[in-house]
Amino acid sequence: MKFIFFVLCMITVLLISCGPSRKAIDAKEDSSFNKWINHSKSQLVRQWGQPDSVMPDGRNGEVLIYKEGIDFLSVMNEKYTGPQHSFRKEMFVNSDSLIYHWRAWRRK
C-alpha cells in the first residue's frame, strides 16, 4: 500500500513539474504583445475589437484598455463559479496612431 501511495505521489509531482513554467508563459505573452509595437491602432482594433476604455497617455496619444474576466474553475467545471481573475492589457498609441508601448497584468 505504501508503494502505491509513493508511486501516485511521484506521478503527481512529475505531472506538476512538467507543466509550463510561469517564466515560459510570460515569455510567450511578451512575444505576442511585442509584435504589436509599431503597428497601427486600426490594425489592433480590427484584430482585438474595440477597447473597453480609452484614456490619454499624457503625450498627445492614448491608451487603449482591454479587460478580460476569467473564471478558471468554471471553465474546467461548468457547475462551479469560483473566484474571478482579470487580465488587463493596455496598449499605448502615439499621435501618429502607432503602438509604441504595452503593459499587461493579472489580478485576482
N, C-alpha and C. Protein backbone atom coordinates (compact mmCIF):
# COMPACT_ATOMS: atom_id res chain seq x y z
N MET A 1 0.82 -1.19 0.00
CA MET A 1 0.00 0.00 0.00
C MET A 1 0.87 1.27 0.00
N LYS A 2 1.95 1.24 0.79
CA LYS A 2 2.85 2.39 0.82
C LYS A 2 3.50 2.60 -0.54
N PHE A 3 3.80 1.51 -1.21
CA PHE A 3 4.42 1.61 -2.53
C PHE A 3 3.49 2.28 -3.53
N ILE A 4 2.22 1.90 -3.52
CA ILE A 4 1.23 2.51 -4.44
C ILE A 4 1.09 4.00 -4.14
N PHE A 5 1.03 4.35 -2.85
CA PHE A 5 0.94 5.76 -2.47
C PHE A 5 2.17 6.53 -2.95
N PHE A 6 3.35 5.94 -2.77
CA PHE A 6 4.59 6.57 -3.22
C PHE A 6 4.57 6.78 -4.73
N VAL A 7 4.15 5.77 -5.47
CA VAL A 7 4.10 5.88 -6.94
C VAL A 7 3.12 6.98 -7.36
N LEU A 8 1.96 7.03 -6.73
CA LEU A 8 0.98 8.07 -7.06
C LEU A 8 1.53 9.47 -6.75
N CYS A 9 2.23 9.59 -5.64
CA CYS A 9 2.84 10.89 -5.29
C CYS A 9 3.88 11.28 -6.32
N MET A 10 4.70 10.35 -6.73
CA MET A 10 5.74 10.64 -7.72
C MET A 10 5.12 11.04 -9.07
N ILE A 11 4.08 10.36 -9.48
CA ILE A 11 3.40 10.71 -10.74
C ILE A 11 2.82 12.11 -10.65
N THR A 12 2.22 12.44 -9.51
CA THR A 12 1.66 13.78 -9.33
C THR A 12 2.74 14.84 -9.41
N VAL A 13 3.85 14.61 -8.73
CA VAL A 13 4.97 15.56 -8.76
C VAL A 13 5.49 15.73 -10.18
N LEU A 14 5.64 14.64 -10.90
CA LEU A 14 6.13 14.71 -12.27
C LEU A 14 5.17 15.48 -13.18
N LEU A 15 3.87 15.23 -13.02
CA LEU A 15 2.90 15.94 -13.86
C LEU A 15 2.90 17.44 -13.58
N ILE A 16 3.01 17.80 -12.32
CA ILE A 16 3.02 19.22 -11.96
C ILE A 16 4.30 19.89 -12.46
N SER A 17 5.42 19.22 -12.31
CA SER A 17 6.69 19.83 -12.69
C SER A 17 6.89 19.89 -14.20
N CYS A 18 6.15 19.09 -14.96
CA CYS A 18 6.32 19.08 -16.42
C CYS A 18 5.51 20.16 -17.12
N GLY A 19 4.65 20.84 -16.40
CA GLY A 19 3.86 21.91 -16.99
C GLY A 19 4.72 23.11 -17.31
N PRO A 20 4.20 24.02 -18.14
CA PRO A 20 4.99 25.20 -18.50
C PRO A 20 5.24 26.09 -17.28
N SER A 21 6.42 26.62 -17.18
CA SER A 21 6.75 27.49 -16.05
C SER A 21 6.14 28.87 -16.26
N ARG A 22 6.03 29.61 -15.19
CA ARG A 22 5.50 30.98 -15.25
C ARG A 22 6.39 31.83 -16.16
N LYS A 23 7.69 31.57 -16.11
CA LYS A 23 8.63 32.32 -16.95
C LYS A 23 8.38 32.04 -18.43
N ALA A 24 8.10 30.79 -18.77
CA ALA A 24 7.82 30.43 -20.17
C ALA A 24 6.51 31.07 -20.65
N ILE A 25 5.51 31.07 -19.78
CA ILE A 25 4.23 31.68 -20.14
C ILE A 25 4.41 33.18 -20.33
N ASP A 26 5.16 33.83 -19.43
CA ASP A 26 5.41 35.27 -19.55
C ASP A 26 6.16 35.59 -20.84
N ALA A 27 7.13 34.76 -21.20
CA ALA A 27 7.90 34.99 -22.42
C ALA A 27 7.00 34.90 -23.65
N LYS A 28 6.09 33.96 -23.64
CA LYS A 28 5.15 33.82 -24.77
C LYS A 28 4.24 35.04 -24.86
N GLU A 29 3.73 35.50 -23.71
CA GLU A 29 2.89 36.70 -23.71
C GLU A 29 3.68 37.92 -24.17
N ASP A 30 4.91 38.07 -23.68
CA ASP A 30 5.75 39.20 -24.09
C ASP A 30 5.90 39.20 -25.61
N SER A 31 6.15 38.06 -26.17
CA SER A 31 6.33 37.94 -27.61
C SER A 31 5.06 38.34 -28.35
N SER A 32 3.91 37.90 -27.85
CA SER A 32 2.66 38.23 -28.54
C SER A 32 2.33 39.72 -28.45
N PHE A 33 2.72 40.37 -27.35
CA PHE A 33 2.48 41.81 -27.24
C PHE A 33 3.53 42.61 -28.01
N ASN A 34 4.78 42.17 -27.96
CA ASN A 34 5.85 42.90 -28.66
C ASN A 34 5.61 42.98 -30.16
N LYS A 35 4.93 42.02 -30.72
CA LYS A 35 4.69 42.05 -32.17
C LYS A 35 3.79 43.21 -32.57
N TRP A 36 3.07 43.81 -31.61
CA TRP A 36 2.20 44.94 -31.93
C TRP A 36 2.94 46.28 -31.96
N ILE A 37 4.14 46.34 -31.45
CA ILE A 37 4.90 47.59 -31.46
C ILE A 37 5.08 48.05 -32.91
N ASN A 38 4.82 49.33 -33.15
CA ASN A 38 4.89 49.99 -34.47
C ASN A 38 3.80 49.56 -35.44
N HIS A 39 2.78 48.86 -34.95
CA HIS A 39 1.60 48.58 -35.78
C HIS A 39 0.57 49.67 -35.50
N SER A 40 -0.37 49.81 -36.38
CA SER A 40 -1.34 50.89 -36.23
C SER A 40 -2.48 50.51 -35.28
N LYS A 41 -3.08 51.54 -34.74
CA LYS A 41 -4.23 51.38 -33.86
C LYS A 41 -5.35 50.67 -34.60
N SER A 42 -5.56 51.02 -35.87
CA SER A 42 -6.65 50.40 -36.63
C SER A 42 -6.43 48.89 -36.81
N GLN A 43 -5.18 48.47 -36.97
CA GLN A 43 -4.89 47.04 -37.08
C GLN A 43 -5.23 46.32 -35.77
N LEU A 44 -4.86 46.94 -34.66
CA LEU A 44 -5.15 46.35 -33.36
C LEU A 44 -6.66 46.24 -33.14
N VAL A 45 -7.39 47.31 -33.42
CA VAL A 45 -8.84 47.30 -33.22
C VAL A 45 -9.51 46.29 -34.14
N ARG A 46 -8.99 46.16 -35.35
CA ARG A 46 -9.53 45.17 -36.28
C ARG A 46 -9.33 43.76 -35.73
N GLN A 47 -8.20 43.52 -35.11
CA GLN A 47 -7.88 42.19 -34.59
C GLN A 47 -8.54 41.91 -33.24
N TRP A 48 -8.48 42.86 -32.31
CA TRP A 48 -8.96 42.65 -30.94
C TRP A 48 -10.36 43.19 -30.69
N GLY A 49 -10.87 44.03 -31.59
CA GLY A 49 -12.14 44.69 -31.35
C GLY A 49 -11.95 46.01 -30.62
N GLN A 50 -13.05 46.68 -30.35
CA GLN A 50 -12.99 47.97 -29.66
C GLN A 50 -12.52 47.78 -28.22
N PRO A 51 -11.69 48.69 -27.72
CA PRO A 51 -11.23 48.57 -26.33
C PRO A 51 -12.37 48.81 -25.34
N ASP A 52 -12.19 48.32 -24.13
CA ASP A 52 -13.18 48.54 -23.08
C ASP A 52 -13.21 49.99 -22.65
N SER A 53 -12.05 50.64 -22.71
CA SER A 53 -11.98 52.07 -22.40
C SER A 53 -10.72 52.66 -23.03
N VAL A 54 -10.72 53.98 -23.12
CA VAL A 54 -9.60 54.72 -23.71
C VAL A 54 -9.30 55.90 -22.79
N MET A 55 -8.01 56.16 -22.56
CA MET A 55 -7.63 57.32 -21.75
C MET A 55 -6.40 57.97 -22.36
N PRO A 56 -6.17 59.25 -22.08
CA PRO A 56 -4.98 59.91 -22.65
C PRO A 56 -3.70 59.36 -22.03
N ASP A 57 -2.62 59.35 -22.82
CA ASP A 57 -1.33 58.86 -22.32
C ASP A 57 -0.44 59.98 -21.80
N GLY A 58 -0.87 61.22 -21.93
CA GLY A 58 -0.07 62.36 -21.47
C GLY A 58 0.95 62.83 -22.48
N ARG A 59 0.96 62.25 -23.67
CA ARG A 59 1.91 62.62 -24.73
C ARG A 59 1.19 62.88 -26.05
N ASN A 60 -0.03 63.36 -25.98
CA ASN A 60 -0.88 63.60 -27.15
C ASN A 60 -1.31 62.30 -27.84
N GLY A 61 -1.20 61.19 -27.13
CA GLY A 61 -1.66 59.91 -27.64
C GLY A 61 -2.74 59.37 -26.72
N GLU A 62 -2.95 58.07 -26.78
CA GLU A 62 -3.97 57.47 -25.94
C GLU A 62 -3.58 56.06 -25.52
N VAL A 63 -4.27 55.58 -24.51
CA VAL A 63 -4.06 54.23 -24.01
C VAL A 63 -5.35 53.46 -24.24
N LEU A 64 -5.25 52.38 -25.01
CA LEU A 64 -6.40 51.51 -25.25
C LEU A 64 -6.37 50.42 -24.18
N ILE A 65 -7.46 50.29 -23.45
CA ILE A 65 -7.51 49.34 -22.33
C ILE A 65 -8.48 48.21 -22.65
N TYR A 66 -7.95 47.00 -22.60
CA TYR A 66 -8.75 45.80 -22.81
C TYR A 66 -8.75 45.00 -21.51
N LYS A 67 -9.92 44.52 -21.11
CA LYS A 67 -10.04 43.74 -19.88
C LYS A 67 -10.70 42.40 -20.20
N GLU A 68 -10.18 41.37 -19.57
CA GLU A 68 -10.77 40.04 -19.70
C GLU A 68 -11.01 39.48 -18.31
N GLY A 69 -12.22 39.03 -18.06
CA GLY A 69 -12.52 38.35 -16.80
C GLY A 69 -12.55 36.86 -17.05
N ILE A 70 -11.79 36.11 -16.26
CA ILE A 70 -11.69 34.68 -16.47
C ILE A 70 -11.98 33.97 -15.16
N ASP A 71 -12.91 33.06 -15.19
CA ASP A 71 -13.21 32.22 -14.04
C ASP A 71 -12.68 30.83 -14.37
N PHE A 72 -11.42 30.57 -14.01
CA PHE A 72 -10.74 29.34 -14.41
C PHE A 72 -11.48 28.08 -13.97
N LEU A 73 -11.97 28.09 -12.74
CA LEU A 73 -12.63 26.88 -12.24
C LEU A 73 -13.94 26.61 -12.97
N SER A 74 -14.65 27.64 -13.35
CA SER A 74 -15.89 27.42 -14.09
C SER A 74 -15.62 26.91 -15.49
N VAL A 75 -14.50 27.27 -16.04
CA VAL A 75 -14.14 26.77 -17.36
C VAL A 75 -13.91 25.26 -17.29
N MET A 76 -13.25 24.82 -16.22
CA MET A 76 -12.94 23.41 -16.08
C MET A 76 -14.14 22.60 -15.57
N ASN A 77 -14.95 23.20 -14.74
CA ASN A 77 -16.11 22.53 -14.15
C ASN A 77 -17.31 23.44 -14.35
N GLU A 78 -18.15 23.11 -15.27
CA GLU A 78 -19.23 24.01 -15.70
C GLU A 78 -20.19 24.41 -14.59
N LYS A 79 -20.20 23.68 -13.49
CA LYS A 79 -21.18 23.96 -12.43
C LYS A 79 -20.63 24.87 -11.33
N TYR A 80 -19.33 25.05 -11.26
CA TYR A 80 -18.74 25.83 -10.17
C TYR A 80 -18.37 27.22 -10.65
N THR A 81 -18.75 28.22 -9.89
CA THR A 81 -18.35 29.58 -10.19
C THR A 81 -17.39 30.03 -9.11
N GLY A 82 -16.12 29.99 -9.42
CA GLY A 82 -15.08 30.32 -8.46
C GLY A 82 -14.68 31.77 -8.52
N PRO A 83 -13.57 32.09 -7.93
CA PRO A 83 -13.10 33.48 -7.91
C PRO A 83 -12.74 33.97 -9.31
N GLN A 84 -12.99 35.22 -9.53
CA GLN A 84 -12.70 35.82 -10.83
C GLN A 84 -11.25 36.29 -10.87
N HIS A 85 -10.59 36.03 -11.98
CA HIS A 85 -9.25 36.53 -12.23
C HIS A 85 -9.36 37.44 -13.44
N SER A 86 -8.78 38.60 -13.40
CA SER A 86 -8.88 39.50 -14.54
C SER A 86 -7.50 39.70 -15.18
N PHE A 87 -7.53 39.92 -16.46
CA PHE A 87 -6.33 40.16 -17.23
C PHE A 87 -6.53 41.50 -17.92
N ARG A 88 -5.67 42.45 -17.64
CA ARG A 88 -5.80 43.81 -18.19
C ARG A 88 -4.64 44.07 -19.13
N LYS A 89 -4.97 44.54 -20.33
CA LYS A 89 -3.95 44.87 -21.33
C LYS A 89 -4.11 46.34 -21.68
N GLU A 90 -3.01 47.06 -21.65
CA GLU A 90 -3.01 48.48 -22.04
C GLU A 90 -2.05 48.64 -23.21
N MET A 91 -2.56 49.17 -24.30
CA MET A 91 -1.75 49.41 -25.50
C MET A 91 -1.63 50.92 -25.67
N PHE A 92 -0.41 51.43 -25.68
CA PHE A 92 -0.15 52.87 -25.78
C PHE A 92 0.03 53.24 -27.25
N VAL A 93 -0.75 54.21 -27.68
CA VAL A 93 -0.77 54.63 -29.09
C VAL A 93 -0.32 56.09 -29.15
N ASN A 94 0.64 56.40 -30.03
CA ASN A 94 1.13 57.78 -30.14
C ASN A 94 0.22 58.62 -31.03
N SER A 95 0.58 59.88 -31.24
CA SER A 95 -0.25 60.80 -32.02
C SER A 95 -0.31 60.41 -33.50
N ASP A 96 0.59 59.55 -33.96
CA ASP A 96 0.55 59.05 -35.34
C ASP A 96 -0.26 57.76 -35.45
N SER A 97 -0.95 57.38 -34.38
CA SER A 97 -1.77 56.16 -34.31
C SER A 97 -0.94 54.88 -34.41
N LEU A 98 0.30 54.93 -33.93
CA LEU A 98 1.15 53.74 -33.90
C LEU A 98 1.36 53.30 -32.45
N ILE A 99 1.35 52.01 -32.23
CA ILE A 99 1.55 51.47 -30.89
C ILE A 99 3.04 51.56 -30.55
N TYR A 100 3.33 52.17 -29.39
CA TYR A 100 4.74 52.33 -29.00
C TYR A 100 5.09 51.64 -27.69
N HIS A 101 4.09 51.16 -26.94
CA HIS A 101 4.36 50.54 -25.65
C HIS A 101 3.13 49.72 -25.25
N TRP A 102 3.33 48.74 -24.40
CA TRP A 102 2.21 47.97 -23.86
C TRP A 102 2.50 47.62 -22.40
N ARG A 103 1.44 47.30 -21.71
CA ARG A 103 1.54 46.85 -20.31
C ARG A 103 0.39 45.87 -20.06
N ALA A 104 0.67 44.79 -19.38
CA ALA A 104 -0.36 43.80 -19.08
C ALA A 104 -0.10 43.17 -17.73
N TRP A 105 -1.19 42.81 -17.03
CA TRP A 105 -1.04 42.12 -15.76
C TRP A 105 -2.32 41.39 -15.40
N ARG A 106 -2.15 40.45 -14.48
CA ARG A 106 -3.27 39.66 -13.96
C ARG A 106 -3.56 40.08 -12.54
N ARG A 107 -4.84 39.99 -12.18
CA ARG A 107 -5.25 40.27 -10.81
C ARG A 107 -6.26 39.23 -10.38
N LYS A 108 -6.25 38.94 -9.09
CA LYS A 108 -7.29 38.07 -8.53
C LYS A 108 -8.39 38.93 -8.00
